[in-house]
Amino acid sequence: MSITVIKPVEIANQTKKRTVVMNTRKLHAWVHYYPNPGDHDEMHCHNEDQVFTCFEGQCTMSFPDGGHEVLDPGMAALITGGSFYRLQNTGAGPMILMGHRSGSQDTVKIIDYETRKDIRDQVKITNRGEPVNFG
């Protein structure tokens, strides 16, 4: 049995990027770092259940119906797989979250809201006609 104690805020401030801190067959966890107010991802969902905990800053989660929820430090969002959302840094400085999702990060799907397809399976054609994977 292995136990590791971490300090998510220190990890975020050192790496200044999304950092995976655990990846097993049953669960994976990471530290999110959005450095600037306004930084955001796109509307998407995953095929697994997950939890986000806000450690620093402010996160606004937006939903396809136009609704939103605000996470301040010490708050958590419990998300059922298949629920679409968008994360945005709506604070005055960096936003630090920690996420946990069931399953391995190697098998999780990232489903784009508009196309309803895994963004890692989508292909973009460059101006030279060459396919480029994105996501």
C-alpha atoms as a PDB file:
ATOM      1  CA  MET A   1       0.000   0.000   0.000  1.00  0.00           C
ATOM      2  CA  SER A   2       1.304   3.424  -0.906  1.00  0.00           C
ATOM      3  CA  ILE A   3       0.310   6.719   0.671  1.00  0.00           C
ATOM      4  CA  THR A   4       1.551  10.067  -0.577  1.00  0.00           C
ATOM      5  CA  VAL A   5       0.758  13.376   1.096  1.00  0.00           C
ATOM      6  CA  ILE A   6       0.803  16.389  -1.228  1.00  0.00           C
ATOM      7  CA  LYS A   7       0.362  20.151  -1.046  1.00  0.00           C
ATOM      8  CA  PRO A   8      -1.740  21.063  -4.110  1.00  0.00           C
ATOM      9  CA  VAL A   9      -1.120  24.828  -3.890  1.00  0.00           C
ATOM     10  CA  GLU A  10       2.665  24.308  -3.755  1.00  0.00           C
ATOM     11  CA  ILE A  11       2.512  21.907  -6.710  1.00  0.00           C
ATOM     12  CA  ALA A  12       0.467  24.401  -8.752  1.00  0.00           C
ATOM     13  CA  ASN A  13       2.758  27.317  -7.946  1.00  0.00           C
ATOM     14  CA  GLN A  14       5.861  25.276  -8.816  1.00  0.00           C
ATOM     15  CA  THR A  15       4.662  23.695 -12.071  1.00  0.00           C
ATOM     16  CA  LYS A  16       2.238  26.444 -13.184  1.00  0.00           C
ATOM     17  CA  LYS A  17       0.338  23.921 -15.317  1.00  0.00           C
ATOM     18  CA  ARG A  18      -2.053  20.953 -15.062  1.00  0.00           C
ATOM     19  CA  THR A  19      -0.112  18.339 -13.109  1.00  0.00           C
ATOM     20  CA  VAL A  20      -1.182  14.723 -12.660  1.00  0.00           C
ATOM     21  CA  VAL A  21      -0.509  13.648  -9.064  1.00  0.00           C
ATOM     22  CA  MET A  22      -2.059  10.156  -9.189  1.00  0.00           C
ATOM     23  CA  ASN A  23      -3.058   7.754 -11.960  1.00  0.00           C
ATOM     24  CA  THR A  24      -4.274   4.251 -11.150  1.00  0.00           C
ATOM     25  CA  ARG A  25      -6.697   1.841 -12.758  1.00  0.00           C
ATOM     26  CA  LYS A  26      -9.520   3.066 -10.503  1.00  0.00           C
ATOM     27  CA  LEU A  27      -8.789   6.793 -10.000  1.00  0.00           C
ATOM     28  CA  HIS A  28      -6.714   9.668 -11.253  1.00  0.00           C
ATOM     29  CA  ALA A  29      -6.101  13.078  -9.687  1.00  0.00           C
ATOM     30  CA  TRP A  30      -4.473  16.283 -10.865  1.00  0.00           C
ATOM     31  CA  VAL A  31      -3.852  19.873  -9.850  1.00  0.00           C
ATOM     32  CA  HIS A  32      -5.260  22.541 -12.206  1.00  0.00           C
ATOM     33  CA  TYR A  33      -3.528  25.915 -12.536  1.00  0.00           C
ATOM     34  CA  TYR A  34      -5.191  28.763 -14.445  1.00  0.00           C
ATOM     35  CA  PRO A  35      -2.784  31.705 -14.031  1.00  0.00           C
ATOM     36  CA  ASN A  36      -4.822  34.600 -15.382  1.00  0.00           C
ATOM     37  CA  PRO A  37      -8.299  35.965 -14.752  1.00  0.00           C
ATOM     38  CA  GLY A  38     -10.412  34.973 -17.751  1.00  0.00           C
ATOM     39  CA  ASP A  39      -8.465  31.763 -18.499  1.00  0.00           C
ATOM     40  CA  HIS A  40     -10.944  28.982 -19.336  1.00  0.00           C
ATOM     41  CA  ASP A  41     -11.458  25.679 -21.043  1.00  0.00           C
ATOM     42  CA  GLU A  42     -14.233  24.830 -23.511  1.00  0.00           C
ATOM     43  CA  MET A  43     -17.641  23.301 -22.756  1.00  0.00           C
ATOM     44  CA  HIS A  44     -17.084  19.550 -22.371  1.00  0.00           C
ATOM     45  CA  CYS A  45     -17.858  16.490 -20.279  1.00  0.00           C
ATOM     46  CA  HIS A  46     -16.219  13.211 -19.316  1.00  0.00           C
ATOM     47  CA  ASN A  47     -17.436   9.626 -19.226  1.00  0.00           C
ATOM     48  CA  GLU A  48     -16.507   9.276 -15.542  1.00  0.00           C
ATOM     49  CA  ASP A  49     -17.650  10.917 -12.299  1.00  0.00           C
ATOM     50  CA  GLN A  50     -15.375  13.582 -10.840  1.00  0.00           C
ATOM     51  CA  VAL A  51     -14.849  16.107  -8.061  1.00  0.00           C
ATOM     52  CA  PHE A  52     -13.204  19.548  -8.238  1.00  0.00           C
ATOM     53  CA  THR A  53     -12.029  21.280  -5.060  1.00  0.00           C
ATOM     54  CA  CYS A  54     -11.053  24.967  -5.173  1.00  0.00           C
ATOM     55  CA  PHE A  55      -7.921  25.801  -3.188  1.00  0.00           C
ATOM     56  CA  GLU A  56      -7.153  29.326  -4.386  1.00  0.00           C
ATOM     57  CA  GLY A  57      -8.844  32.013  -6.461  1.00  0.00           C
ATOM     58  CA  GLN A  58     -12.319  31.689  -7.869  1.00  0.00           C
ATOM     59  CA  CYS A  59     -13.736  29.258 -10.423  1.00  0.00           C
ATOM     60  CA  THR A  60     -16.973  29.817 -12.275  1.00  0.00           C
ATOM     61  CA  MET A  61     -18.464  26.661 -13.737  1.00  0.00           C
ATOM     62  CA  SER A  62     -20.814  27.381 -16.658  1.00  0.00           C
ATOM     63  CA  PHE A  63     -23.391  24.955 -18.021  1.00  0.00           C
ATOM     64  CA  PRO A  64     -25.072  24.557 -21.429  1.00  0.00           C
ATOM     65  CA  ASP A  65     -28.408  25.909 -20.140  1.00  0.00           C
ATOM     66  CA  GLY A  66     -26.729  29.241 -19.315  1.00  0.00           C
ATOM     67  CA  GLY A  67     -26.530  28.537 -15.588  1.00  0.00           C
ATOM     68  CA  HIS A  68     -23.383  28.781 -13.526  1.00  0.00           C
ATOM     69  CA  GLU A  69     -21.956  28.044 -10.090  1.00  0.00           C
ATOM     70  CA  VAL A  70     -19.068  29.811  -8.361  1.00  0.00           C
ATOM     71  CA  LEU A  71     -16.452  27.887  -6.408  1.00  0.00           C
ATOM     72  CA  ASP A  72     -14.478  29.823  -3.819  1.00  0.00           C
ATOM     73  CA  PRO A  73     -11.615  28.327  -1.771  1.00  0.00           C
ATOM     74  CA  GLY A  74     -12.837  25.437   0.332  1.00  0.00           C
ATOM     75  CA  MET A  75     -15.758  24.621  -1.990  1.00  0.00           C
ATOM     76  CA  ALA A  76     -16.134  21.512  -4.153  1.00  0.00           C
ATOM     77  CA  ALA A  77     -18.161  20.529  -7.222  1.00  0.00           C
ATOM     78  CA  LEU A  78     -19.467  16.962  -7.528  1.00  0.00           C
ATOM     79  CA  ILE A  79     -19.940  16.105 -11.198  1.00  0.00           C
ATOM     80  CA  THR A  80     -21.686  13.054 -12.588  1.00  0.00           C
ATOM     81  CA  GLY A  81     -20.118  11.629 -15.745  1.00  0.00           C
ATOM     82  CA  GLY A  82     -21.811  13.015 -18.877  1.00  0.00           C
ATOM     83  CA  SER A  83     -22.536  16.440 -17.325  1.00  0.00           C
ATOM     84  CA  PHE A  84     -21.252  19.264 -19.534  1.00  0.00           C
ATOM     85  CA  TYR A  85     -19.398  22.203 -17.963  1.00  0.00           C
ATOM     86  CA  ARG A  86     -16.805  24.904 -18.609  1.00  0.00           C
ATOM     87  CA  LEU A  87     -14.263  26.143 -16.046  1.00  0.00           C
ATOM     88  CA  GLN A  88     -13.191  29.796 -15.935  1.00  0.00           C
ATOM     89  CA  ASN A  89     -10.873  31.729 -13.648  1.00  0.00           C
ATOM     90  CA  THR A  90     -13.109  34.556 -12.441  1.00  0.00           C
ATOM     91  CA  GLY A  91     -10.893  35.656  -9.563  1.00  0.00           C
ATOM     92  CA  ALA A  92      -8.314  38.432  -9.351  1.00  0.00           C
ATOM     93  CA  GLY A  93      -5.255  36.131  -9.529  1.00  0.00           C
ATOM     94  CA  PRO A  94      -4.352  32.502 -10.214  1.00  0.00           C
ATOM     95  CA  MET A  95      -7.001  29.808  -9.790  1.00  0.00           C
ATOM     96  CA  ILE A  96      -5.919  26.489  -8.265  1.00  0.00           C
ATOM     97  CA  LEU A  97      -8.212  23.466  -8.291  1.00  0.00           C
ATOM     98  CA  MET A  98      -7.652  19.813  -7.580  1.00  0.00           C
ATOM     99  CA  GLY A  99      -9.610  17.274  -9.573  1.00  0.00           C
ATOM    100  CA  HIS A 100     -10.281  13.585  -8.969  1.00  0.00           C
ATOM    101  CA  ARG A 101     -11.938  11.344 -11.540  1.00  0.00           C
ATOM    102  CA  SER A 102     -12.878   7.681 -11.469  1.00  0.00           C
ATOM    103  CA  GLY A 103     -10.871   5.445 -13.773  1.00  0.00           C
ATOM    104  CA  SER A 104      -7.429   5.887 -15.261  1.00  0.00           C
ATOM    105  CA  GLN A 105      -6.644   9.108 -17.140  1.00  0.00           C
ATOM    106  CA  ASP A 106      -5.618   6.835 -20.022  1.00  0.00           C
ATOM    107  CA  THR A 107      -9.209   5.645 -20.566  1.00  0.00           C
ATOM    108  CA  VAL A 108     -11.196   8.787 -19.786  1.00  0.00           C
ATOM    109  CA  LYS A 109     -12.979  10.510 -22.650  1.00  0.00           C
ATOM    110  CA  ILE A 110     -13.124  14.291 -23.128  1.00  0.00           C
ATOM    111  CA  ILE A 111     -16.378  14.936 -24.986  1.00  0.00           C
ATOM    112  CA  ASP A 112     -16.725  18.252 -26.839  1.00  0.00           C
ATOM    113  CA  TYR A 113     -20.144  19.873 -26.319  1.00  0.00           C
ATOM    114  CA  GLU A 114     -20.680  20.896 -29.946  1.00  0.00           C
ATOM    115  CA  THR A 115     -19.491  17.751 -31.730  1.00  0.00           C
ATOM    116  CA  ARG A 116     -20.336  15.233 -28.957  1.00  0.00           C
ATOM    117  CA  LYS A 117     -17.082  13.450 -29.854  1.00  0.00           C
ATOM    118  CA  ASP A 118     -13.914  12.741 -27.871  1.00  0.00           C
ATOM    119  CA  ILE A 119     -11.657  15.683 -28.692  1.00  0.00           C
ATOM    120  CA  ARG A 120      -8.653  13.368 -28.826  1.00  0.00           C
ATOM    121  CA  ASP A 121     -10.293  11.487 -31.713  1.00  0.00           C
ATOM    122  CA  GLN A 122     -11.125  14.606 -33.716  1.00  0.00           C
ATOM    123  CA  VAL A 123      -8.812  15.674 -36.489  1.00  0.00           C
ATOM    124  CA  LYS A 124      -8.160  19.177 -37.752  1.00  0.00           C
ATOM    125  CA  ILE A 125      -6.922  19.816 -41.302  1.00  0.00           C
ATOM    126  CA  THR A 126      -4.147  22.403 -41.614  1.00  0.00           C
ATOM    127  CA  ASN A 127      -3.928  24.908 -44.456  1.00  0.00           C
ATOM    128  CA  ARG A 128      -1.497  22.468 -46.136  1.00  0.00           C
ATOM    129  CA  GLY A 129      -4.113  19.735 -46.093  1.00  0.00           C
ATOM    130  CA  GLU A 130      -2.307  17.732 -43.397  1.00  0.00           C
ATOM    131  CA  PRO A 131      -4.302  16.218 -40.523  1.00  0.00           C
ATOM    132  CA  VAL A 132      -3.286  17.324 -37.035  1.00  0.00           C
ATOM    133  CA  ASN A 133      -4.648  15.860 -33.804  1.00  0.00           C
ATOM    134  CA  PHE A 134      -5.741  18.398 -31.200  1.00  0.00           C
ATOM    135  CA  GLY A 135      -6.695  18.253 -27.551  1.00  0.00           C
END
